[in-house]
Every structure is written in structure tokens, then in C-alpha cells.
Amino acid sequence: QDGAYWVPLLGTYAGMSREEACGLELIDVEIEAKTPYILVQANMTKSKDGETPAGLKRASRRRALPLHPQLLRLGFAEYVTAIAKEGWGMLFPELYGKIDKQGAYVRWKKPGGPMFYASAWRYMIDAAHAVVPLPKTSGGKHADFHSQRTFHYSAMAAEGVSEALLARHAGHRPRTTGGQNYNRRALALG
């Protein structure tokens, strides 16, 4: 298992964006807590200059997300342990570079989310669309990775989760983005 397996599941079960999920580091995952969680924060994996932690779209995106029991049942804790034993700091090193012939880690030119999209997601979404046509927005755009955030948000809203808690969970500013752009219960849930 690698990012191709876990990133879509993190999008579905934690409501993470593609870049948030692809850029996770081991220190961002706490499995041993009473309620296991992922900390979405700036880190060096997502750094643009190799010196300053990066990766938060805005300050409200820094948050702790509980790990859904399904992720744990599928073996996420074991994956985290295996990556740690291999000596990686990042959770999905294959999305950021490769080991060259001299044994050095060489970073991709377009790491993280773009690498995930190019190597895995576009094939997954095409295969899914071939089996069951994906819904379209009123503008004609097909469902994409970010649609999982919309679905996650809508599913929580349908269960009566308050708008304030939804905003904190999604990393939105209160009473703005979420209610206007993410709560699509009729489209996402029928």
C-alpha cells in the first residue's frame, strides 16, 4: 500500500484535501491517543524552499482530525508503523521523489498532489467513471478529488453537525466557505 491507496481514503474518511493528505508526515499522525488523529499543519515535506515549513492554505486549515475507525480497520496504523521502520519522515515518500542509482533521494519536480494525480488519481477516476458515470456540477465539471471533501462535509451536515463544528473540521472560516460551497446534501447524498 502507498499513497495511491491511502490518499483517497483520507479524502473520504477525514475530509482532507489532496495536498493535505499527500503531504502528511509521520509526526502528523498520532495512533496511540485515546482517539487516534491526524494533525494537519505546515511541515517540511510541503516546503517550497526546503527551509520553511509550508502547506497550509490559511491558518484555519491547521486542525486535528480524528481517524475514522474504518481507516484503522483497513490497516492505516500498520502502514504508518511500516513507513517509520523504513526510516521515512514523510508518510508517502513515493509522491515526493525516488531513490537514484547512488542511493540518494531525488525530489520530483512536481511532488505531492500533482504526482498523486498523474500517477494514480486520473486512472482511478477514469475507471470509476467507466463503471458508474460521475455526477456533474451545474457548470458541467465532473466529480474530482475535491468532491470527496464536499461529500464528507455534506454527510456530516446531514447528521446535524453544527455549522461551527463543520467549519473547524474542514478548516474553513466560520460562516463562510462551508455553507456556501460545500454543503451539497441533495447532490452528494440524494
Protein backbone atom coordinates (compact mmCIF):
# COMPACT_ATOMS: atom_id res chain seq x y z
CA GLN A 1 0.00 0.00 0.00
CA ASP A 2 1.08 3.56 -0.63
CA GLY A 3 -0.37 6.98 -1.38
CA ALA A 4 -2.49 5.60 -4.24
CA TYR A 5 -4.35 3.51 -1.66
CA TRP A 6 -4.41 5.79 1.40
CA VAL A 7 -4.84 9.31 -0.04
CA PRO A 8 -8.35 8.68 -1.47
CA LEU A 9 -9.39 7.06 1.80
CA LEU A 10 -8.11 10.05 3.79
CA GLY A 11 -10.12 12.30 1.49
CA THR A 12 -13.27 10.27 2.06
CA TYR A 13 -12.99 9.45 5.77
CA ALA A 14 -11.21 12.57 7.06
CA GLY A 15 -12.35 15.17 4.53
CA MET A 16 -8.76 16.10 3.74
CA SER A 17 -7.78 17.93 0.57
CA ARG A 18 -5.44 16.22 -1.86
CA GLU A 19 -2.44 18.35 -0.83
CA GLU A 20 -3.14 17.89 2.89
CA ALA A 21 -3.28 14.10 2.58
CA CYS A 22 -0.33 13.78 0.18
CA GLY A 23 1.91 15.94 2.36
CA LEU A 24 1.46 14.19 5.70
CA GLU A 25 4.49 13.39 7.82
CA LEU A 26 4.83 10.70 10.49
CA ILE A 27 4.81 13.36 13.21
CA ASP A 28 1.36 14.43 11.94
CA VAL A 29 -0.18 11.05 12.85
CA GLU A 30 -0.98 10.04 16.43
CA ILE A 31 -2.14 6.43 16.56
CA GLU A 32 -1.64 5.79 20.30
CA ALA A 33 -4.02 8.51 21.54
CA LYS A 34 -7.38 7.53 23.06
CA THR A 35 -8.89 8.94 19.87
CA PRO A 36 -6.27 8.49 17.11
CA TYR A 37 -5.90 11.60 14.95
CA ILE A 38 -4.06 13.34 12.14
CA LEU A 39 -2.71 16.85 12.64
CA VAL A 40 -2.99 19.00 9.53
CA GLN A 41 -0.19 21.53 9.81
CA ALA A 42 2.62 23.17 7.88
CA ASN A 43 5.62 20.87 7.56
CA MET A 44 8.89 20.41 5.71
CA THR A 45 7.51 17.82 3.29
CA LYS A 46 5.32 20.54 1.79
CA SER A 47 8.05 23.20 1.99
CA LYS A 48 8.67 25.15 -1.21
CA ASP A 49 12.18 26.31 -0.33
CA GLY A 50 13.43 23.41 1.82
CA GLU A 51 13.89 25.75 4.79
CA THR A 52 10.43 26.95 5.84
CA PRO A 53 7.52 24.66 6.75
CA ALA A 54 4.60 25.13 4.35
CA GLY A 55 1.39 23.55 3.19
CA LEU A 56 -1.44 25.43 4.86
CA LYS A 57 -3.76 27.32 2.55
CA ARG A 58 -4.71 29.54 5.51
CA ALA A 59 -4.31 29.45 9.29
CA SER A 60 -7.79 27.94 9.76
CA ARG A 61 -6.61 24.82 7.89
CA ARG A 62 -4.41 23.84 10.88
CA ARG A 63 -6.50 21.28 12.72
CA ALA A 64 -6.62 17.84 14.31
CA LEU A 65 -8.82 15.29 12.56
CA PRO A 66 -9.91 12.10 14.29
CA LEU A 67 -9.03 8.94 12.39
CA HIS A 68 -12.16 7.15 11.29
CA PRO A 69 -12.32 3.57 12.66
CA GLN A 70 -12.56 2.29 9.08
CA LEU A 71 -9.08 3.66 8.33
CA LEU A 72 -7.73 1.79 11.33
CA ARG A 73 -9.60 -1.38 10.37
CA LEU A 74 -8.06 -1.20 6.89
CA GLY A 75 -4.55 -1.10 8.39
CA PHE A 76 -3.57 2.58 8.46
CA ALA A 77 -1.75 2.19 11.80
CA GLU A 78 0.27 -0.73 10.39
CA TYR A 79 1.12 1.33 7.30
CA VAL A 80 2.36 4.21 9.49
CA THR A 81 4.48 1.78 11.52
CA ALA A 82 5.97 0.22 8.37
CA ILE A 83 6.91 3.63 6.91
CA ALA A 84 8.54 4.59 10.22
CA LYS A 85 10.58 1.36 10.22
CA GLU A 86 11.81 2.22 6.73
CA GLY A 87 13.15 5.48 8.14
CA TRP A 88 10.94 7.96 6.29
CA GLY A 89 9.71 11.21 7.82
CA MET A 90 7.02 11.69 5.19
CA LEU A 91 4.04 9.36 5.02
CA PHE A 92 4.02 8.97 1.22
CA PRO A 93 7.64 9.31 0.07
CA GLU A 94 6.87 7.96 -3.41
CA LEU A 95 4.88 11.13 -4.10
CA TYR A 96 7.87 13.36 -3.44
CA GLY A 97 10.82 11.64 -5.10
CA LYS A 98 12.76 8.47 -5.82
CA ILE A 99 15.99 6.79 -4.84
CA ASP A 100 18.61 7.24 -7.58
CA LYS A 101 21.39 4.80 -8.55
CA GLN A 102 23.70 6.27 -5.91
CA GLY A 103 21.12 5.71 -3.18
CA ALA A 104 20.22 9.40 -2.79
CA TYR A 105 16.63 10.61 -2.58
CA VAL A 106 15.87 12.88 -5.55
CA ARG A 107 12.79 15.10 -5.24
CA TRP A 108 10.29 15.18 -8.13
CA LYS A 109 9.81 18.47 -9.99
CA LYS A 110 6.07 18.40 -9.24
CA PRO A 111 5.80 16.50 -5.94
CA GLY A 112 2.86 15.70 -3.71
CA GLY A 113 -0.63 16.20 -5.09
CA PRO A 114 0.42 16.66 -8.73
CA MET A 115 2.42 13.40 -8.61
CA PHE A 116 -0.52 11.59 -6.97
CA TYR A 117 -2.85 12.93 -9.66
CA ALA A 118 -0.52 11.98 -12.53
CA SER A 119 0.44 8.53 -11.27
CA ALA A 120 -2.79 7.31 -9.69
CA TRP A 121 -5.85 9.53 -9.35
CA ARG A 122 -6.59 10.22 -13.02
CA TYR A 123 -6.62 6.48 -13.73
CA MET A 124 -8.83 5.76 -10.73
CA ILE A 125 -11.35 8.42 -11.64
CA ASP A 126 -11.45 7.31 -15.30
CA ALA A 127 -12.02 3.69 -14.22
CA ALA A 128 -14.76 4.70 -11.79
CA HIS A 129 -16.44 6.89 -14.43
CA ALA A 130 -16.40 3.99 -16.91
CA VAL A 131 -18.34 1.81 -14.43
CA VAL A 132 -20.70 4.44 -12.99
CA PRO A 133 -20.81 7.85 -14.67
CA LEU A 134 -19.71 10.53 -12.24
CA PRO A 135 -22.12 13.34 -11.45
CA LYS A 136 -21.55 16.76 -12.97
CA THR A 137 -21.87 20.18 -11.45
CA SER A 138 -24.26 22.71 -12.95
CA GLY A 139 -21.18 24.07 -14.76
CA GLY A 140 -20.53 20.66 -16.36
CA LYS A 141 -17.48 19.72 -14.27
CA HIS A 142 -17.22 16.03 -13.28
CA ALA A 143 -16.66 14.97 -9.69
CA ASP A 144 -12.98 15.04 -8.76
CA PHE A 145 -10.80 14.53 -5.68
CA HIS A 146 -12.11 17.69 -4.06
CA SER A 147 -15.63 16.30 -4.45
CA GLN A 148 -14.75 13.94 -1.59
CA ARG A 149 -14.44 16.96 0.72
CA THR A 150 -17.87 18.13 -0.41
CA PHE A 151 -19.32 14.66 0.19
CA HIS A 152 -17.65 14.40 3.62
CA TYR A 153 -18.94 17.84 4.64
CA SER A 154 -22.44 17.09 3.32
CA ALA A 155 -22.62 13.74 5.10
CA MET A 156 -21.68 15.38 8.41
CA ALA A 157 -24.20 18.20 7.85
CA ALA A 158 -26.93 15.64 7.11
CA GLU A 159 -26.31 14.14 10.55
CA GLY A 160 -26.94 17.51 12.17
CA VAL A 161 -23.36 18.55 12.93
CA SER A 162 -23.32 22.27 13.68
CA GLU A 163 -22.02 24.68 11.06
CA ALA A 164 -19.36 25.93 13.51
CA LEU A 165 -18.00 22.41 14.10
CA LEU A 166 -18.15 21.62 10.37
CA ALA A 167 -16.11 24.73 9.63
CA ARG A 168 -13.45 23.77 12.19
CA HIS A 169 -13.34 20.19 10.91
CA ALA A 170 -12.93 21.28 7.27
CA GLY A 171 -10.51 24.09 8.10
CA HIS A 172 -12.86 26.82 6.90
CA ARG A 173 -13.54 30.21 8.36
CA PRO A 174 -16.79 30.12 10.36
CA ARG A 175 -19.96 31.02 8.44
CA THR A 176 -18.32 31.40 5.04
CA THR A 177 -16.89 28.78 2.72
CA GLY A 178 -18.53 25.62 4.03
CA GLY A 179 -22.18 26.54 4.00
CA GLN A 180 -21.87 28.35 0.68
CA ASN A 181 -19.71 25.88 -1.25
CA TYR A 182 -19.54 22.51 0.50
CA ASN A 183 -22.97 21.66 1.84
CA ARG A 184 -24.43 19.88 -1.18
CA ARG A 185 -26.60 17.31 0.57
CA ALA A 186 -29.08 16.92 -2.27
CA LEU A 187 -26.37 16.33 -4.87
CA ALA A 188 -23.96 14.35 -2.68
CA LEU A 189 -26.44 12.22 -0.74
CA GLY A 190 -29.58 12.19 -2.93
